[in-house]
């Protein structure tokens, strides 16, 4: 699957984390609440709750891999980010993640 394909659809979170790790200068963005993030998150992720997306300071050409708990908020976040010119990949919900957690 090419990077351009990743930009157009949601992928499995485990595959998405793998793609994030292989993508230079990418950001793994967790759009859950700070409380949810504190309960456990994917190592290397940055927490920016859905309602704070306008505060994002990433460059618009930075690849963003976005996740939440179930995939609903990440879908909304990616829609907003794409409308505002960001490169995003919706990787869905952490509830399906099978890797290490912090």
N, C-alpha and C. Protein backbone atom coordinates (compact mmCIF):
# COMPACT_ATOMS: atom_id res chain seq x y z
N UNK A 1 0.86 -1.18 0.00
CA UNK A 1 0.00 0.00 0.00
C UNK A 1 0.89 1.24 0.00
N UNK A 2 0.69 2.14 -0.92
CA UNK A 2 1.50 3.33 -1.01
C UNK A 2 1.04 4.39 -0.01
N UNK A 3 1.92 5.35 0.25
CA UNK A 3 1.58 6.42 1.18
C UNK A 3 0.36 7.19 0.69
N UNK A 4 0.26 7.39 -0.63
CA UNK A 4 -0.89 8.13 -1.16
C UNK A 4 -2.18 7.38 -0.89
N UNK A 5 -2.17 6.07 -0.95
CA UNK A 5 -3.36 5.29 -0.61
C UNK A 5 -3.73 5.48 0.85
N UNK A 6 -2.74 5.61 1.71
CA UNK A 6 -3.00 5.81 3.13
C UNK A 6 -3.73 7.12 3.38
N UNK A 7 -3.51 8.09 2.53
CA UNK A 7 -4.12 9.40 2.71
C UNK A 7 -5.62 9.40 2.42
N UNK A 8 -6.12 8.40 1.74
CA UNK A 8 -7.49 8.45 1.27
C UNK A 8 -8.45 7.55 2.02
N UNK A 9 -7.98 6.72 2.93
CA UNK A 9 -8.91 5.84 3.63
C UNK A 9 -8.39 5.49 5.01
N UNK A 10 -9.28 4.94 5.81
CA UNK A 10 -8.89 4.47 7.14
C UNK A 10 -8.26 3.10 6.99
N UNK A 11 -7.23 2.84 7.78
CA UNK A 11 -6.58 1.54 7.76
C UNK A 11 -6.60 0.96 9.17
N UNK A 12 -6.28 -0.29 9.28
CA UNK A 12 -6.17 -0.96 10.56
C UNK A 12 -5.13 -0.23 11.41
N UNK A 13 -5.44 -0.01 12.68
CA UNK A 13 -4.54 0.78 13.54
C UNK A 13 -3.16 0.14 13.66
N UNK A 14 -3.08 -1.17 13.69
CA UNK A 14 -1.78 -1.82 13.80
C UNK A 14 -0.94 -1.58 12.55
N UNK A 15 -1.57 -1.67 11.38
CA UNK A 15 -0.88 -1.35 10.13
C UNK A 15 -0.54 0.14 10.08
N UNK A 16 -1.44 0.97 10.61
CA UNK A 16 -1.22 2.40 10.62
C UNK A 16 -0.03 2.81 11.46
N UNK A 17 0.12 2.18 12.63
CA UNK A 17 1.27 2.48 13.49
C UNK A 17 2.55 2.05 12.80
N UNK A 18 2.51 0.92 12.13
CA UNK A 18 3.67 0.46 11.37
C UNK A 18 4.02 1.46 10.26
N UNK A 19 3.02 1.93 9.54
CA UNK A 19 3.25 2.92 8.48
C UNK A 19 3.79 4.22 9.07
N UNK A 20 3.26 4.65 10.22
CA UNK A 20 3.75 5.85 10.90
C UNK A 20 5.25 5.72 11.17
N UNK A 21 5.63 4.58 11.70
CA UNK A 21 7.04 4.37 12.06
C UNK A 21 7.96 4.38 10.85
N UNK A 22 7.43 4.07 9.68
CA UNK A 22 8.23 4.04 8.45
C UNK A 22 8.20 5.36 7.69
N UNK A 23 7.41 6.31 8.16
CA UNK A 23 7.23 7.58 7.44
C UNK A 23 8.07 8.68 8.09
N UNK A 24 9.06 9.18 7.39
CA UNK A 24 9.91 10.24 7.95
C UNK A 24 9.09 11.47 8.36
N UNK A 25 9.43 12.01 9.52
CA UNK A 25 8.85 13.25 10.04
C UNK A 25 7.35 13.18 10.32
N UNK A 26 6.79 11.98 10.38
CA UNK A 26 5.35 11.84 10.66
C UNK A 26 5.06 12.08 12.14
N UNK A 27 3.80 12.42 12.40
CA UNK A 27 3.31 12.61 13.77
C UNK A 27 2.15 11.65 14.00
N UNK A 28 2.19 10.95 15.13
CA UNK A 28 1.11 10.07 15.54
C UNK A 28 0.25 10.87 16.50
N UNK A 29 -0.96 11.19 16.09
CA UNK A 29 -1.83 12.12 16.82
C UNK A 29 -2.99 11.38 17.48
N UNK A 30 -3.06 11.47 18.80
CA UNK A 30 -4.13 10.87 19.60
C UNK A 30 -5.13 11.98 19.91
N UNK A 31 -6.36 11.87 19.40
CA UNK A 31 -7.34 12.94 19.58
C UNK A 31 -8.33 12.66 20.71
N UNK A 32 -7.97 11.74 21.61
CA UNK A 32 -8.81 11.48 22.78
C UNK A 32 -8.57 12.57 23.83
N UNK A 33 -9.34 12.51 24.90
CA UNK A 33 -9.18 13.47 25.99
C UNK A 33 -7.86 13.24 26.72
N UNK A 34 -7.36 14.25 27.44
CA UNK A 34 -6.13 14.05 28.22
C UNK A 34 -6.27 12.91 29.24
N UNK A 35 -7.45 12.74 29.79
CA UNK A 35 -7.67 11.66 30.76
C UNK A 35 -7.54 10.29 30.10
N UNK A 36 -8.14 10.15 28.91
CA UNK A 36 -8.02 8.89 28.18
C UNK A 36 -6.57 8.62 27.79
N UNK A 37 -5.89 9.65 27.34
CA UNK A 37 -4.49 9.53 26.95
C UNK A 37 -3.64 9.07 28.13
N UNK A 38 -3.89 9.63 29.31
CA UNK A 38 -3.14 9.28 30.51
C UNK A 38 -3.36 7.83 30.92
N UNK A 39 -4.51 7.28 30.59
CA UNK A 39 -4.81 5.89 30.94
C UNK A 39 -4.03 4.90 30.09
N UNK A 40 -3.51 5.33 28.97
CA UNK A 40 -2.71 4.48 28.10
C UNK A 40 -2.76 4.97 26.67
N UNK A 41 -1.58 5.05 26.06
CA UNK A 41 -1.49 5.54 24.69
C UNK A 41 -0.35 4.84 23.96
N UNK A 42 -0.32 4.98 22.67
CA UNK A 42 0.72 4.38 21.85
C UNK A 42 2.00 5.18 22.02
N UNK A 43 3.12 4.50 22.31
CA UNK A 43 4.38 5.23 22.49
C UNK A 43 4.70 6.11 21.28
N UNK A 44 5.13 7.31 21.57
CA UNK A 44 5.49 8.26 20.53
C UNK A 44 4.35 9.14 20.05
N UNK A 45 3.14 8.87 20.55
CA UNK A 45 1.99 9.67 20.12
C UNK A 45 1.96 11.01 20.85
N UNK A 46 1.31 11.96 20.22
CA UNK A 46 1.08 13.28 20.81
C UNK A 46 -0.41 13.42 21.05
N UNK A 47 -0.79 13.95 22.19
CA UNK A 47 -2.20 14.12 22.52
C UNK A 47 -2.67 15.52 22.15
N UNK A 48 -3.68 15.58 21.30
CA UNK A 48 -4.35 16.82 20.96
C UNK A 48 -5.83 16.49 20.81
N UNK A 49 -6.61 16.74 21.86
CA UNK A 49 -8.04 16.39 21.82
C UNK A 49 -8.74 17.01 20.62
N UNK A 50 -9.75 16.32 20.16
CA UNK A 50 -10.52 16.74 18.99
C UNK A 50 -10.93 18.21 19.07
N UNK A 51 -11.38 18.66 20.22
CA UNK A 51 -11.86 20.04 20.35
C UNK A 51 -10.73 21.06 20.36
N UNK A 52 -9.47 20.61 20.34
CA UNK A 52 -8.34 21.54 20.34
C UNK A 52 -7.55 21.50 19.03
N UNK A 53 -8.10 20.85 18.01
CA UNK A 53 -7.39 20.74 16.73
C UNK A 53 -6.94 22.08 16.15
N UNK A 54 -7.73 23.16 16.29
CA UNK A 54 -7.24 24.43 15.75
C UNK A 54 -5.90 24.89 16.35
N UNK A 55 -5.50 24.32 17.48
CA UNK A 55 -4.23 24.68 18.11
C UNK A 55 -3.04 23.89 17.53
N UNK A 56 -3.29 23.00 16.58
CA UNK A 56 -2.22 22.18 16.00
C UNK A 56 -1.15 23.08 15.40
N UNK A 57 0.10 22.80 15.77
CA UNK A 57 1.20 23.63 15.28
C UNK A 57 2.06 22.93 14.23
N UNK A 58 1.65 21.76 13.76
CA UNK A 58 2.42 21.03 12.75
C UNK A 58 2.34 21.76 11.40
N UNK A 59 3.39 21.59 10.63
CA UNK A 59 3.38 22.11 9.26
C UNK A 59 2.36 21.31 8.46
N UNK A 60 1.74 21.94 7.50
CA UNK A 60 0.69 21.28 6.74
C UNK A 60 1.19 20.13 5.89
N UNK A 61 2.49 20.08 5.60
CA UNK A 61 3.01 18.95 4.82
C UNK A 61 3.54 17.82 5.70
N UNK A 62 3.33 17.92 7.02
CA UNK A 62 3.71 16.86 7.94
C UNK A 62 2.68 15.74 7.88
N UNK A 63 3.10 14.50 7.62
CA UNK A 63 2.14 13.39 7.61
C UNK A 63 1.59 13.14 9.02
N UNK A 64 0.27 13.20 9.17
CA UNK A 64 -0.38 12.98 10.45
C UNK A 64 -1.13 11.65 10.43
N UNK A 65 -0.82 10.78 11.37
CA UNK A 65 -1.52 9.52 11.54
C UNK A 65 -2.39 9.70 12.79
N UNK A 66 -3.70 9.63 12.62
CA UNK A 66 -4.65 10.04 13.66
C UNK A 66 -5.43 8.84 14.20
N UNK A 67 -5.51 8.76 15.55
CA UNK A 67 -6.32 7.72 16.17
C UNK A 67 -7.07 8.26 17.38
N UNK A 68 -8.06 7.50 17.82
CA UNK A 68 -8.83 7.82 19.02
C UNK A 68 -9.15 6.51 19.73
N UNK A 69 -10.30 6.39 20.35
CA UNK A 69 -10.65 5.13 21.01
C UNK A 69 -11.28 4.14 20.04
N UNK A 70 -12.33 4.57 19.34
CA UNK A 70 -13.07 3.64 18.48
C UNK A 70 -12.93 3.94 16.99
N UNK A 71 -12.50 5.13 16.64
CA UNK A 71 -12.39 5.54 15.24
C UNK A 71 -13.32 6.68 14.86
N UNK A 72 -14.31 6.97 15.70
CA UNK A 72 -15.27 8.04 15.37
C UNK A 72 -14.62 9.42 15.44
N UNK A 73 -13.90 9.69 16.50
CA UNK A 73 -13.26 11.01 16.64
C UNK A 73 -12.12 11.17 15.65
N UNK A 74 -11.39 10.09 15.39
CA UNK A 74 -10.29 10.20 14.42
C UNK A 74 -10.84 10.51 13.03
N UNK A 75 -11.99 9.95 12.69
CA UNK A 75 -12.63 10.24 11.40
C UNK A 75 -13.01 11.71 11.33
N UNK A 76 -13.61 12.23 12.40
CA UNK A 76 -13.98 13.66 12.43
C UNK A 76 -12.74 14.54 12.38
N UNK A 77 -11.70 14.15 13.12
CA UNK A 77 -10.46 14.93 13.14
C UNK A 77 -9.84 14.99 11.76
N UNK A 78 -9.78 13.85 11.08
CA UNK A 78 -9.18 13.82 9.73
C UNK A 78 -9.98 14.66 8.75
N UNK A 79 -11.29 14.64 8.87
CA UNK A 79 -12.12 15.46 7.99
C UNK A 79 -11.78 16.94 8.19
N UNK A 80 -11.69 17.37 9.44
CA UNK A 80 -11.38 18.77 9.74
C UNK A 80 -9.96 19.11 9.26
N UNK A 81 -9.01 18.24 9.57
CA UNK A 81 -7.62 18.49 9.19
C UNK A 81 -7.46 18.58 7.67
N UNK A 82 -8.10 17.66 6.94
CA UNK A 82 -8.01 17.69 5.48
C UNK A 82 -8.62 18.97 4.92
N UNK A 83 -9.76 19.41 5.49
CA UNK A 83 -10.37 20.66 5.05
C UNK A 83 -9.46 21.85 5.27
N UNK A 84 -8.55 21.72 6.23
CA UNK A 84 -7.64 22.80 6.55
C UNK A 84 -6.24 22.58 5.98
N UNK A 85 -6.13 21.67 5.02
CA UNK A 85 -4.90 21.52 4.26
C UNK A 85 -3.85 20.58 4.81
N UNK A 86 -4.16 19.78 5.83
CA UNK A 86 -3.19 18.86 6.40
C UNK A 86 -3.21 17.51 5.68
N UNK A 87 -2.08 16.81 5.72
CA UNK A 87 -1.97 15.46 5.19
C UNK A 87 -2.29 14.48 6.32
N UNK A 88 -3.37 13.74 6.20
CA UNK A 88 -3.79 12.87 7.30
C UNK A 88 -4.05 11.44 6.85
N UNK A 89 -3.89 10.55 7.80
CA UNK A 89 -4.28 9.16 7.65
C UNK A 89 -5.05 8.77 8.89
N UNK A 90 -6.28 8.37 8.72
CA UNK A 90 -7.11 7.91 9.84
C UNK A 90 -6.78 6.45 10.09
N UNK A 91 -6.18 6.15 11.25
CA UNK A 91 -5.82 4.77 11.55
C UNK A 91 -6.80 4.13 12.53
N UNK A 92 -7.86 4.85 12.90
CA UNK A 92 -8.94 4.23 13.66
C UNK A 92 -8.80 4.29 15.16
N UNK A 93 -9.23 3.21 15.81
CA UNK A 93 -9.35 3.20 17.26
C UNK A 93 -8.34 2.34 17.98
N UNK A 94 -7.85 2.87 19.10
CA UNK A 94 -6.86 2.18 19.92
C UNK A 94 -7.44 0.91 20.55
N UNK A 95 -8.76 0.80 20.58
CA UNK A 95 -9.37 -0.40 21.15
C UNK A 95 -8.98 -1.65 20.36
N UNK A 96 -8.51 -1.48 19.12
CA UNK A 96 -8.07 -2.61 18.30
C UNK A 96 -6.56 -2.74 18.20
N UNK A 97 -5.84 -1.91 18.95
CA UNK A 97 -4.38 -1.90 18.90
C UNK A 97 -3.80 -3.09 19.68
N UNK A 98 -2.77 -3.72 19.13
CA UNK A 98 -2.19 -4.90 19.75
C UNK A 98 -0.73 -4.73 20.15
N UNK A 99 -0.24 -3.50 20.18
CA UNK A 99 1.18 -3.27 20.48
C UNK A 99 1.40 -2.75 21.89
N UNK A 100 2.62 -2.30 22.13
CA UNK A 100 3.00 -1.75 23.43
C UNK A 100 2.25 -0.46 23.73
N UNK A 101 2.01 -0.23 25.00
CA UNK A 101 1.32 0.98 25.46
C UNK A 101 2.16 1.65 26.54
N UNK A 102 1.99 2.95 26.64
CA UNK A 102 2.61 3.72 27.72
C UNK A 102 1.53 4.14 28.67
